[in-house]
Protein backbone atom coordinates (compact mmCIF):
# COMPACT_ATOMS: atom_id res chain seq x y z
CA GLN A 1 14.31 65.35 -29.18
CA GLU A 2 10.39 64.84 -28.76
CA LEU A 3 10.60 61.62 -30.98
CA ALA A 4 13.60 60.77 -28.61
CA ALA A 5 11.76 61.25 -25.71
CA GLU A 6 8.54 59.21 -27.14
CA GLU A 7 10.90 56.41 -28.10
CA GLN A 8 12.50 56.52 -24.69
CA SER A 9 9.04 56.33 -23.10
CA ARG A 10 8.26 53.60 -25.21
CA LEU A 11 11.15 51.57 -24.46
CA ASP A 12 10.65 52.50 -20.90
CA ALA A 13 7.28 51.25 -21.10
CA GLN A 14 8.21 48.04 -22.86
CA ARG A 15 10.94 47.36 -20.13
CA ALA A 16 8.36 47.71 -17.29
CA GLU A 17 6.05 45.61 -18.98
CA ARG A 18 8.76 43.10 -19.66
CA GLU A 19 9.42 43.31 -15.90
CA LEU A 20 5.93 42.83 -14.97
CA LEU A 21 5.94 39.80 -17.14
CA GLU A 22 9.07 38.36 -15.68
CA LYS A 23 7.89 39.11 -12.08
CA GLU A 24 4.45 37.36 -13.26
CA ALA A 25 6.51 34.44 -14.62
CA ASP A 26 8.54 34.10 -11.47
CA ARG A 27 5.24 34.16 -9.41
CA LEU A 28 3.73 31.47 -11.43
CA GLU A 29 6.78 29.46 -11.61
CA GLN A 30 6.78 29.68 -7.79
CA GLU A 31 3.36 28.81 -7.58
CA ARG A 32 3.71 25.76 -9.59
CA ILE A 33 6.61 24.77 -7.48
CA ARG A 34 4.53 24.95 -4.36
CA LEU A 35 1.67 23.25 -5.95
CA SER A 36 4.14 20.42 -7.34
CA SER A 37 5.54 20.13 -3.91
CA ALA A 38 2.13 19.97 -2.15
CA ARG A 39 0.81 17.43 -4.73
CA LEU A 40 4.07 15.37 -3.90
CA ASP A 41 3.50 15.71 -0.04
CA ARG A 42 -0.23 14.58 -0.61
CA GLU A 43 0.67 11.66 -2.70
CA ARG A 44 3.51 10.58 -0.37
CA SER A 45 1.07 10.97 2.54
CA GLU A 46 -1.64 8.73 0.59
CA CYS A 47 1.07 6.22 -0.22
CA GLN A 48 2.18 5.99 3.57
CA ARG A 49 -1.55 5.71 4.33
CA LEU A 50 -2.17 2.96 1.81
CA GLU A 51 1.00 1.34 3.13
CA ARG A 52 -0.22 1.30 6.71
CA GLU A 53 -3.61 -0.09 5.57
CA TRP A 54 -2.11 -3.00 3.63
CA GLU A 55 0.07 -3.78 6.71
CA ARG A 56 -3.14 -3.67 8.66
CA LEU A 57 -4.92 -5.93 6.21
CA GLU A 58 -1.86 -8.29 6.12
CA GLU A 59 -1.79 -8.65 10.03
CA GLU A 60 -5.72 -9.33 9.59
CA ARG A 61 -5.16 -12.06 7.10
CA GLN A 62 -2.55 -13.55 9.07
CA ILE A 63 -4.84 -13.84 12.28
CA HIS A 64 -7.46 -15.36 10.24
CA VAL A 65 -5.09 -17.85 8.74
CA ARG A 66 -3.98 -18.83 12.21
CA GLU A 67 -7.28 -18.99 13.52
CA ARG A 68 -8.63 -21.31 10.63
CA GLU A 69 -5.42 -23.52 11.52
CA ALA A 70 -6.44 -23.61 14.99
CA GLN A 71 -9.75 -24.47 14.05
CA ASP A 72 -8.69 -27.14 11.79
CA LYS A 73 -6.67 -28.65 14.56
CA ILE A 74 -9.53 -28.72 16.84
CA ARG A 75 -11.92 -30.11 14.18
CA ILE A 76 -9.23 -32.92 13.58
CA GLN A 77 -8.79 -33.63 17.35
CA LEU A 78 -12.56 -33.62 17.70
CA GLN A 79 -12.83 -36.05 14.85
CA LEU A 80 -10.08 -38.26 16.33
CA GLU A 81 -11.78 -38.48 19.90
CA ARG A 82 -15.05 -38.92 18.37
CA GLU A 83 -13.61 -41.91 16.37
CA GLU A 84 -11.91 -43.26 19.61
CA MET A 85 -15.29 -42.99 21.40
CA LEU A 86 -17.02 -44.93 18.65
CA GLN A 87 -14.32 -47.53 18.66
CA ALA A 88 -14.37 -47.78 22.50
CA ARG A 89 -18.55 -48.10 22.49
CA GLU A 90 -18.01 -51.03 19.83
CA ARG A 91 -15.51 -52.59 21.95
CA ILE A 92 -17.89 -52.09 25.07
CA GLN A 93 -20.66 -53.68 22.98
CA VAL A 94 -18.74 -56.54 21.81
CA GLU A 95 -17.60 -57.21 25.37
CA GLU A 96 -21.21 -56.94 26.66
CA ARG A 97 -22.24 -59.34 23.79
CA HIS A 98 -19.40 -61.85 24.64
CA SER A 99 -20.32 -61.39 28.28
CA GLU A 100 -24.04 -61.98 27.77
CA MET A 101 -23.25 -65.00 25.43
CA ASP A 102 -20.92 -66.44 28.12
CA ARG A 103 -23.75 -66.04 30.69
CA LEU A 104 -26.35 -67.56 28.23
CA GLU A 105 -23.74 -70.61 27.43
CA ALA A 106 -23.29 -70.91 31.44
CA ARG A 107 -27.05 -71.06 31.88
CA GLN A 108 -27.36 -73.30 28.97
CA ARG A 109 -24.84 -75.66 30.68
CA GLU A 110 -26.60 -75.40 34.03
CA LEU A 111 -29.70 -76.38 32.23
CA ASP A 112 -28.35 -79.26 30.43
CA GLU A 113 -26.84 -80.43 33.81
CA ARG A 114 -30.03 -80.42 35.44
CA ALA A 115 -31.87 -82.01 32.52
CA THR A 116 -29.38 -84.71 32.71
CA ARG A 117 -29.83 -85.22 36.18
CA LEU A 118 -33.53 -85.15 35.84
CA GLU A 119 -33.28 -88.18 33.41
């Protein structure tokens, strides 16, 4: 009977230890699930943050592209206006030279006429 009691006591101790180990295993599994869930939440949050950052950077890039296109248009317009101004200046100079030549030719005719009359 003593042996049976010792055996029962040993079996009870083993069962109690097994129950403690199972509870600890359950607790560790729950902790693993909690940590895994928290890690997934952090990763999801980081992914969302990175997506928002990418969208912001893409918007900035689009703004810079539009600004560069606008600057290019302005630069082209200014270049065209400069070319038009240079052409206008050249036309004016040509007209002034023709006008000066016409005036000089008229003066030459006048002098020739006077010289002819004096002879």
